Amino acid sequence: MVLYKDGKVYLKIVYWGMAGSGKTTILKTLYTLTKENKKEIVPIGNLQIIQKESGATLYFDRGLFQSTKQRQVYYRVFTVAGQTSFSPLRIKIFNRDEDKTDAVIFVADSQTKYLEDNVESLLELKSIAGERLINEIPLIVMLNKQDLKHIINSDNFIQVLKNEKLWYSPKNKLHIWNPLIYDTCALYEHQKDIYRSFHECCRRTALYQIYGDGKAPLEGDFSDPSLLIS
């Protein structure tokens, strides 16, 4: 749910996915990319990383980012702990009263051996978000760890989305808001499409709010990537 405070607009984006899919590494790489390079979205302050000694997320991570072209617009970015035991906390972070999620970036571990775990995580997200997913909450998918062997591709995951009714045919007006799927690598030295996927999520979130009043806008051509550059 969009927050308005002192003339500023705060949009909430959540990175969601199974344990070990790379959400924290993605956020760290995103922070470094936007801090050290001239990007249209930049970090404000430092990241808050809450993790175990093993590096696994403990509770959540979060950071604040600001648009350089629309300086009143801020993006509050969270990652959720993927372990099964943290399900109640994930629900709280996602659906907190008066602070509901505006957009989701689903992070899948691309290794074929984890396909079922990815589907289980997606099912939990679908259960929590309900009919709001895609209809009111933009969904971006990252097939992470594409640098490894034995991985799934976008066609594989599109079938998963179709099975869960999160992929629309061209006859459906929501077809233009089908999730974009990015093949990613989260490691900074080999990073791929970390900023690009985040930027598209921010763009879609703004479009939903400005042209759809918090829902997927169905009239007009929103395919131009330069439209409402953040």
C-alpha atoms as a PDB file:
ATOM      1  CA  MET A   1       0.000   0.000   0.000  1.00  0.00           C
ATOM      2  CA  VAL A   2       1.468   3.316  -1.090  1.00  0.00           C
ATOM      3  CA  LEU A   3       2.547   5.537   1.787  1.00  0.00           C
ATOM      4  CA  TYR A   4       2.435   9.323   1.520  1.00  0.00           C
ATOM      5  CA  LYS A   5       4.438  11.357   4.024  1.00  0.00           C
ATOM      6  CA  ASP A   6       5.650  14.954   3.929  1.00  0.00           C
ATOM      7  CA  GLY A   7       5.036  15.208   0.188  1.00  0.00           C
ATOM      8  CA  LYS A   8       6.965  12.003  -0.492  1.00  0.00           C
ATOM      9  CA  VAL A   9       5.703   8.766  -2.031  1.00  0.00           C
ATOM     10  CA  TYR A  10       6.915   5.440  -0.630  1.00  0.00           C
ATOM     11  CA  LEU A  11       6.377   2.236  -2.630  1.00  0.00           C
ATOM     12  CA  LYS A  12       7.052  -1.171  -1.088  1.00  0.00           C
ATOM     13  CA  ILE A  13       8.789  -3.896  -3.109  1.00  0.00           C
ATOM     14  CA  VAL A  14       9.407  -7.387  -1.729  1.00  0.00           C
ATOM     15  CA  TYR A  15      11.915  -9.950  -2.989  1.00  0.00           C
ATOM     16  CA  TRP A  16      10.278 -13.333  -2.381  1.00  0.00           C
ATOM     17  CA  GLY A  17      11.618 -16.847  -2.875  1.00  0.00           C
ATOM     18  CA  MET A  18      12.787 -20.107  -1.358  1.00  0.00           C
ATOM     19  CA  ALA A  19      15.654 -20.240   1.133  1.00  0.00           C
ATOM     20  CA  GLY A  20      19.015 -19.926  -0.576  1.00  0.00           C
ATOM     21  CA  SER A  21      17.676 -18.526  -3.841  1.00  0.00           C
ATOM     22  CA  GLY A  22      19.956 -15.487  -3.562  1.00  0.00           C
ATOM     23  CA  LYS A  23      17.645 -12.689  -2.391  1.00  0.00           C
ATOM     24  CA  THR A  24      20.115 -11.109   0.044  1.00  0.00           C
ATOM     25  CA  THR A  25      22.963 -11.319  -2.478  1.00  0.00           C
ATOM     26  CA  ILE A  26      20.709  -9.669  -5.072  1.00  0.00           C
ATOM     27  CA  LEU A  27      19.914  -6.814  -2.698  1.00  0.00           C
ATOM     28  CA  LYS A  28      23.596  -6.334  -1.838  1.00  0.00           C
ATOM     29  CA  THR A  29      24.573  -6.315  -5.521  1.00  0.00           C
ATOM     30  CA  LEU A  30      21.723  -3.931  -6.350  1.00  0.00           C
ATOM     31  CA  TYR A  31      22.906  -1.596  -3.606  1.00  0.00           C
ATOM     32  CA  THR A  32      26.493  -1.603  -4.892  1.00  0.00           C
ATOM     33  CA  LEU A  33      25.424  -1.151  -8.524  1.00  0.00           C
ATOM     34  CA  THR A  34      23.195   1.818  -7.753  1.00  0.00           C
ATOM     35  CA  LYS A  35      25.680   3.380  -5.342  1.00  0.00           C
ATOM     36  CA  GLU A  36      28.772   3.159  -7.537  1.00  0.00           C
ATOM     37  CA  ASN A  37      27.242   3.766 -10.958  1.00  0.00           C
ATOM     38  CA  LYS A  38      25.070   6.486 -12.445  1.00  0.00           C
ATOM     39  CA  LYS A  39      21.642   4.898 -12.222  1.00  0.00           C
ATOM     40  CA  GLU A  40      18.170   6.405 -12.235  1.00  0.00           C
ATOM     41  CA  ILE A  41      17.439   4.863  -8.844  1.00  0.00           C
ATOM     42  CA  VAL A  42      19.964   5.265  -6.022  1.00  0.00           C
ATOM     43  CA  PRO A  43      20.227   3.963  -2.452  1.00  0.00           C
ATOM     44  CA  ILE A  44      19.585   6.161   0.577  1.00  0.00           C
ATOM     45  CA  GLY A  45      21.639   5.253   3.633  1.00  0.00           C
ATOM     46  CA  ASN A  46      22.851   1.718   4.252  1.00  0.00           C
ATOM     47  CA  LEU A  47      21.203  -1.654   3.905  1.00  0.00           C
ATOM     48  CA  GLN A  48      19.860  -3.383   6.982  1.00  0.00           C
ATOM     49  CA  ILE A  49      20.985  -6.988   6.718  1.00  0.00           C
ATOM     50  CA  ILE A  50      19.822  -9.357   9.455  1.00  0.00           C
ATOM     51  CA  GLN A  51      21.386 -12.764   8.959  1.00  0.00           C
ATOM     52  CA  LYS A  52      22.707 -15.852  10.700  1.00  0.00           C
ATOM     53  CA  GLU A  53      26.386 -16.742  10.885  1.00  0.00           C
ATOM     54  CA  SER A  54      25.762 -19.044   7.924  1.00  0.00           C
ATOM     55  CA  GLY A  55      24.675 -16.050   5.849  1.00  0.00           C
ATOM     56  CA  ALA A  56      21.016 -17.124   5.709  1.00  0.00           C
ATOM     57  CA  THR A  57      18.523 -14.310   6.203  1.00  0.00           C
ATOM     58  CA  LEU A  58      17.265 -14.001   9.762  1.00  0.00           C
ATOM     59  CA  TYR A  59      13.879 -12.243   9.732  1.00  0.00           C
ATOM     60  CA  PHE A  60      14.412  -9.907   6.725  1.00  0.00           C
ATOM     61  CA  ASP A  61      16.709  -7.479   4.903  1.00  0.00           C
ATOM     62  CA  ARG A  62      15.723  -4.013   3.758  1.00  0.00           C
ATOM     63  CA  GLY A  63      16.943  -0.904   1.989  1.00  0.00           C
ATOM     64  CA  LEU A  64      15.625   2.450   0.844  1.00  0.00           C
ATOM     65  CA  PHE A  65      16.081   3.704  -2.731  1.00  0.00           C
ATOM     66  CA  GLN A  66      15.148   7.006  -4.372  1.00  0.00           C
ATOM     67  CA  SER A  67      14.294   7.963  -7.941  1.00  0.00           C
ATOM     68  CA  THR A  68      16.669  10.593  -9.307  1.00  0.00           C
ATOM     69  CA  LYS A  69      14.134  11.777 -11.894  1.00  0.00           C
ATOM     70  CA  GLN A  70      11.126  11.846  -9.581  1.00  0.00           C
ATOM     71  CA  ARG A  71      12.807  12.728  -6.311  1.00  0.00           C
ATOM     72  CA  GLN A  72       9.611  12.539  -4.309  1.00  0.00           C
ATOM     73  CA  VAL A  73       9.388   8.799  -5.102  1.00  0.00           C
ATOM     74  CA  TYR A  74      11.083   6.286  -2.808  1.00  0.00           C
ATOM     75  CA  TYR A  75      11.206   2.502  -2.949  1.00  0.00           C
ATOM     76  CA  ARG A  76      11.300   0.536   0.296  1.00  0.00           C
ATOM     77  CA  VAL A  77      12.829  -2.806  -0.590  1.00  0.00           C
ATOM     78  CA  PHE A  78      12.552  -5.938   1.557  1.00  0.00           C
ATOM     79  CA  THR A  79      13.737  -9.521   1.258  1.00  0.00           C
ATOM     80  CA  VAL A  80      12.032 -12.272   3.232  1.00  0.00           C
ATOM     81  CA  ALA A  81      13.610 -15.267   4.954  1.00  0.00           C
ATOM     82  CA  GLY A  82      12.810 -18.320   2.858  1.00  0.00           C
ATOM     83  CA  GLN A  83      12.945 -21.021   5.546  1.00  0.00           C
ATOM     84  CA  THR A  84       9.653 -22.777   6.304  1.00  0.00           C
ATOM     85  CA  SER A  85       9.775 -21.730   9.969  1.00  0.00           C
ATOM     86  CA  PHE A  86       9.622 -18.046   8.983  1.00  0.00           C
ATOM     87  CA  SER A  87       6.266 -18.277   7.214  1.00  0.00           C
ATOM     88  CA  PRO A  88       4.399 -16.163   9.839  1.00  0.00           C
ATOM     89  CA  LEU A  89       7.032 -13.436   9.528  1.00  0.00           C
ATOM     90  CA  ARG A  90       6.815 -13.477   5.729  1.00  0.00           C
ATOM     91  CA  ILE A  91       3.073 -12.989   5.965  1.00  0.00           C
ATOM     92  CA  LYS A  92       3.562 -10.088   8.392  1.00  0.00           C
ATOM     93  CA  ILE A  93       6.122  -8.369   6.162  1.00  0.00           C
ATOM     94  CA  PHE A  94       4.001  -8.847   3.059  1.00  0.00           C
ATOM     95  CA  ASN A  95       0.602  -7.951   4.453  1.00  0.00           C
ATOM     96  CA  ARG A  96       1.220  -5.665   7.401  1.00  0.00           C
ATOM     97  CA  ASP A  97      -1.769  -3.410   8.159  1.00  0.00           C
ATOM     98  CA  GLU A  98      -1.500  -0.081   6.314  1.00  0.00           C
ATOM     99  CA  ASP A  99       1.834  -1.219   4.873  1.00  0.00           C
ATOM    100  CA  LYS A 100       0.919  -3.801   2.288  1.00  0.00           C
ATOM    101  CA  THR A 101       3.227  -4.811  -0.539  1.00  0.00           C
ATOM    102  CA  ASP A 102       2.996  -2.837  -3.802  1.00  0.00           C
ATOM    103  CA  ALA A 103       5.109  -5.145  -5.994  1.00  0.00           C
ATOM    104  CA  VAL A 104       6.882  -8.508  -5.853  1.00  0.00           C
ATOM    105  CA  ILE A 105      10.080  -9.792  -7.404  1.00  0.00           C
ATOM    106  CA  PHE A 106       9.978 -13.579  -7.212  1.00  0.00           C
ATOM    107  CA  VAL A 107      13.476 -15.064  -7.012  1.00  0.00           C
ATOM    108  CA  ALA A 108      13.771 -18.675  -8.163  1.00  0.00           C
ATOM    109  CA  ASP A 109      16.829 -20.866  -7.716  1.00  0.00           C
ATOM    110  CA  SER A 110      17.298 -21.985 -11.321  1.00  0.00           C
ATOM    111  CA  GLN A 111      18.799 -25.367 -10.478  1.00  0.00           C
ATOM    112  CA  THR A 112      16.451 -28.098 -11.697  1.00  0.00           C
ATOM    113  CA  LYS A 113      16.716 -29.979  -8.401  1.00  0.00           C
ATOM    114  CA  TYR A 114      14.963 -27.086  -6.659  1.00  0.00           C
ATOM    115  CA  LEU A 115      12.011 -26.744  -9.025  1.00  0.00           C
ATOM    116  CA  GLU A 116       9.527 -28.157  -6.506  1.00  0.00           C
ATOM    117  CA  ASP A 117      10.850 -25.855  -3.774  1.00  0.00           C
ATOM    118  CA  ASN A 118      10.394 -22.881  -6.077  1.00  0.00           C
ATOM    119  CA  VAL A 119       6.828 -23.936  -6.848  1.00  0.00           C
ATOM    120  CA  GLU A 120       6.094 -24.336  -3.134  1.00  0.00           C
ATOM    121  CA  SER A 121       7.356 -20.807  -2.484  1.00  0.00           C
ATOM    122  CA  LEU A 122       5.265 -19.463  -5.361  1.00  0.00           C
ATOM    123  CA  LEU A 123       2.184 -21.231  -4.011  1.00  0.00           C
ATOM    124  CA  GLU A 124       2.703 -19.601  -0.615  1.00  0.00           C
ATOM    125  CA  LEU A 125       3.025 -16.192  -2.260  1.00  0.00           C
ATOM    126  CA  LYS A 126      -0.120 -16.828  -4.288  1.00  0.00           C
ATOM    127  CA  SER A 127      -1.994 -17.898  -1.172  1.00  0.00           C
ATOM    128  CA  ILE A 128      -0.999 -14.774   0.752  1.00  0.00           C
ATOM    129  CA  ALA A 129      -1.510 -12.292  -2.092  1.00  0.00           C
ATOM    130  CA  GLY A 130      -4.699 -13.923  -3.374  1.00  0.00           C
ATOM    131  CA  GLU A 131      -6.342 -12.276  -6.365  1.00  0.00           C
ATOM    132  CA  ARG A 132      -4.186  -9.174  -5.909  1.00  0.00           C
ATOM    133  CA  LEU A 133      -1.162 -10.784  -7.591  1.00  0.00           C
ATOM    134  CA  ILE A 134      -0.772  -9.267 -11.080  1.00  0.00           C
ATOM    135  CA  ASN A 135      -4.237  -7.691 -10.805  1.00  0.00           C
ATOM    136  CA  GLU A 136      -3.023  -5.187  -8.205  1.00  0.00           C
ATOM    137  CA  ILE A 137       0.560  -6.244  -7.479  1.00  0.00           C
ATOM    138  CA  PRO A 138       3.069  -6.296 -10.360  1.00  0.00           C
ATOM    139  CA  LEU A 139       5.046  -9.528 -10.508  1.00  0.00           C
ATOM    140  CA  ILE A 140       8.590  -9.860 -11.850  1.00  0.00           C
ATOM    141  CA  VAL A 141      10.445 -13.192 -11.938  1.00  0.00           C
ATOM    142  CA  MET A 142      14.195 -13.686 -11.599  1.00  0.00           C
ATOM    143  CA  LEU A 143      15.595 -17.075 -12.584  1.00  0.00           C
ATOM    144  CA  ASN A 144      18.695 -16.692 -10.468  1.00  0.00           C
ATOM    145  CA  LYS A 145      21.957 -18.663 -10.484  1.00  0.00           C
ATOM    146  CA  GLN A 146      21.976 -18.974 -14.261  1.00  0.00           C
ATOM    147  CA  ASP A 147      25.755 -19.345 -14.033  1.00  0.00           C
ATOM    148  CA  LEU A 148      25.338 -22.887 -12.673  1.00  0.00           C
ATOM    149  CA  LYS A 149      24.710 -26.164 -14.485  1.00  0.00           C
ATOM    150  CA  HIS A 150      21.422 -28.063 -14.840  1.00  0.00           C
ATOM    151  CA  ILE A 151      19.102 -25.094 -14.761  1.00  0.00           C
ATOM    152  CA  ILE A 152      15.530 -24.316 -15.768  1.00  0.00           C
ATOM    153  CA  ASN A 153      14.782 -21.708 -18.433  1.00  0.00           C
ATOM    154  CA  SER A 154      12.033 -19.161 -18.950  1.00  0.00           C
ATOM    155  CA  ASP A 155       9.863 -21.626 -20.903  1.00  0.00           C
ATOM    156  CA  ASN A 156       9.973 -24.010 -17.948  1.00  0.00           C
ATOM    157  CA  PHE A 157       8.869 -21.307 -15.554  1.00  0.00           C
ATOM    158  CA  ILE A 158       6.194 -19.917 -17.857  1.00  0.00           C
ATOM    159  CA  GLN A 159       4.605 -23.355 -17.667  1.00  0.00           C
ATOM    160  CA  VAL A 160       4.703 -23.132 -13.872  1.00  0.00           C
ATOM    161  CA  LEU A 161       3.004 -19.739 -14.036  1.00  0.00           C
ATOM    162  CA  LYS A 162       0.381 -21.101 -16.423  1.00  0.00           C
ATOM    163  CA  ASN A 163      -0.319 -23.997 -14.077  1.00  0.00           C
ATOM    164  CA  GLU A 164      -0.925 -21.522 -11.262  1.00  0.00           C
ATOM    165  CA  LYS A 165      -3.042 -19.199 -13.418  1.00  0.00           C
ATOM    166  CA  LEU A 166      -0.438 -16.443 -13.200  1.00  0.00           C
ATOM    167  CA  TRP A 167       0.045 -16.224 -16.960  1.00  0.00           C
ATOM    168  CA  TYR A 168      -2.609 -14.807 -19.285  1.00  0.00           C
ATOM    169  CA  SER A 169      -3.339 -15.550 -22.935  1.00  0.00           C
ATOM    170  CA  PRO A 170      -3.332 -12.700 -25.509  1.00  0.00           C
ATOM    171  CA  LYS A 171      -7.144 -12.708 -25.356  1.00  0.00           C
ATOM    172  CA  ASN A 172      -7.035 -11.532 -21.748  1.00  0.00           C
ATOM    173  CA  LYS A 173      -6.484  -7.809 -21.090  1.00  0.00           C
ATOM    174  CA  LEU A 174      -4.051  -8.687 -18.297  1.00  0.00           C
ATOM    175  CA  HIS A 175      -1.782 -10.305 -20.893  1.00  0.00           C
ATOM    176  CA  ILE A 176       0.319  -7.127 -21.108  1.00  0.00           C
ATOM    177  CA  TRP A 177       1.112  -7.516 -17.406  1.00  0.00           C
ATOM    178  CA  ASN A 178       2.333 -11.095 -17.573  1.00  0.00           C
ATOM    179  CA  PRO A 179       5.459 -11.361 -15.406  1.00  0.00           C
ATOM    180  CA  LEU A 180       8.688 -10.503 -17.170  1.00  0.00           C
ATOM    181  CA  ILE A 181      11.229 -13.254 -16.575  1.00  0.00           C
ATOM    182  CA  TYR A 182      14.920 -12.414 -16.240  1.00  0.00           C
ATOM    183  CA  ASP A 183      17.847 -14.845 -16.348  1.00  0.00           C
ATOM    184  CA  THR A 184      20.030 -13.510 -13.554  1.00  0.00           C
ATOM    185  CA  CYS A 185      23.236 -13.974 -11.642  1.00  0.00           C
ATOM    186  CA  ALA A 186      23.378 -12.246  -8.273  1.00  0.00           C
ATOM    187  CA  LEU A 187      27.151 -12.313  -7.714  1.00  0.00           C
ATOM    188  CA  TYR A 188      28.502  -8.807  -8.190  1.00  0.00           C
ATOM    189  CA  GLU A 189      31.504  -9.947 -10.245  1.00  0.00           C
ATOM    190  CA  HIS A 190      29.217 -11.800 -12.666  1.00  0.00           C
ATOM    191  CA  GLN A 191      25.978  -9.912 -12.116  1.00  0.00           C
ATOM    192  CA  LYS A 192      23.358 -10.091 -14.826  1.00  0.00           C
ATOM    193  CA  ASP A 193      20.089  -8.135 -15.010  1.00  0.00           C
ATOM    194  CA  ILE A 194      20.015  -7.305 -11.300  1.00  0.00           C
ATOM    195  CA  TYR A 195      19.328  -3.612 -11.858  1.00  0.00           C
ATOM    196  CA  ARG A 196      17.310  -4.159 -15.021  1.00  0.00           C
ATOM    197  CA  SER A 197      14.783  -6.429 -13.286  1.00  0.00           C
ATOM    198  CA  PHE A 198      14.506  -4.055 -10.330  1.00  0.00           C
ATOM    199  CA  HIS A 199      14.044  -1.055 -12.595  1.00  0.00           C
ATOM    200  CA  GLU A 200      11.241  -2.764 -14.514  1.00  0.00           C
ATOM    201  CA  CYS A 201       9.526  -3.652 -11.258  1.00  0.00           C
ATOM    202  CA  CYS A 202       9.714  -0.001 -10.163  1.00  0.00           C
ATOM    203  CA  ARG A 203       8.380   1.131 -13.544  1.00  0.00           C
ATOM    204  CA  ARG A 204       5.421  -1.225 -13.411  1.00  0.00           C
ATOM    205  CA  THR A 205       4.656  -0.261  -9.832  1.00  0.00           C
ATOM    206  CA  ALA A 206       4.479   3.404 -10.826  1.00  0.00           C
ATOM    207  CA  LEU A 207       2.266   2.603 -13.818  1.00  0.00           C
ATOM    208  CA  TYR A 208      -0.149   0.643 -11.638  1.00  0.00           C
ATOM    209  CA  GLN A 209      -0.430   3.554  -9.225  1.00  0.00           C
ATOM    210  CA  ILE A 210      -0.621   6.421 -11.724  1.00  0.00           C
ATOM    211  CA  TYR A 211      -2.676   4.903 -14.535  1.00  0.00           C
ATOM    212  CA  GLY A 212      -4.552   2.166 -12.692  1.00  0.00           C
ATOM    213  CA  ASP A 213      -5.176   3.738  -9.291  1.00  0.00           C
ATOM    214  CA  GLY A 214      -3.477   0.792  -7.645  1.00  0.00           C
ATOM    215  CA  LYS A 215      -4.546  -1.813 -10.193  1.00  0.00           C
ATOM    216  CA  ALA A 216      -3.206  -3.107 -13.500  1.00  0.00           C
ATOM    217  CA  PRO A 217      -4.113  -0.413 -16.076  1.00  0.00           C
ATOM    218  CA  LEU A 218      -5.890  -2.003 -19.017  1.00  0.00           C
ATOM    219  CA  GLU A 219      -6.233   0.889 -21.461  1.00  0.00           C
ATOM    220  CA  GLY A 220      -3.238   2.162 -23.426  1.00  0.00           C
ATOM    221  CA  ASP A 221       0.155   0.908 -24.567  1.00  0.00           C
ATOM    222  CA  PHE A 222       2.510   0.510 -21.628  1.00  0.00           C
ATOM    223  CA  SER A 223       5.155  -1.574 -23.391  1.00  0.00           C
ATOM    224  CA  ASP A 224       7.539   1.342 -23.960  1.00  0.00           C
ATOM    225  CA  PRO A 225      10.384   0.811 -21.446  1.00  0.00           C
ATOM    226  CA  SER A 226      11.050   4.561 -21.347  1.00  0.00           C
ATOM    227  CA  LEU A 227       7.532   5.275 -20.113  1.00  0.00           C
ATOM    228  CA  LEU A 228       7.707   6.681 -16.608  1.00  0.00           C
ATOM    229  CA  ILE A 229      11.393   5.956 -16.238  1.00  0.00           C
ATOM    230  CA  SER A 230      11.976   6.053 -12.519  1.00  0.00           C
END
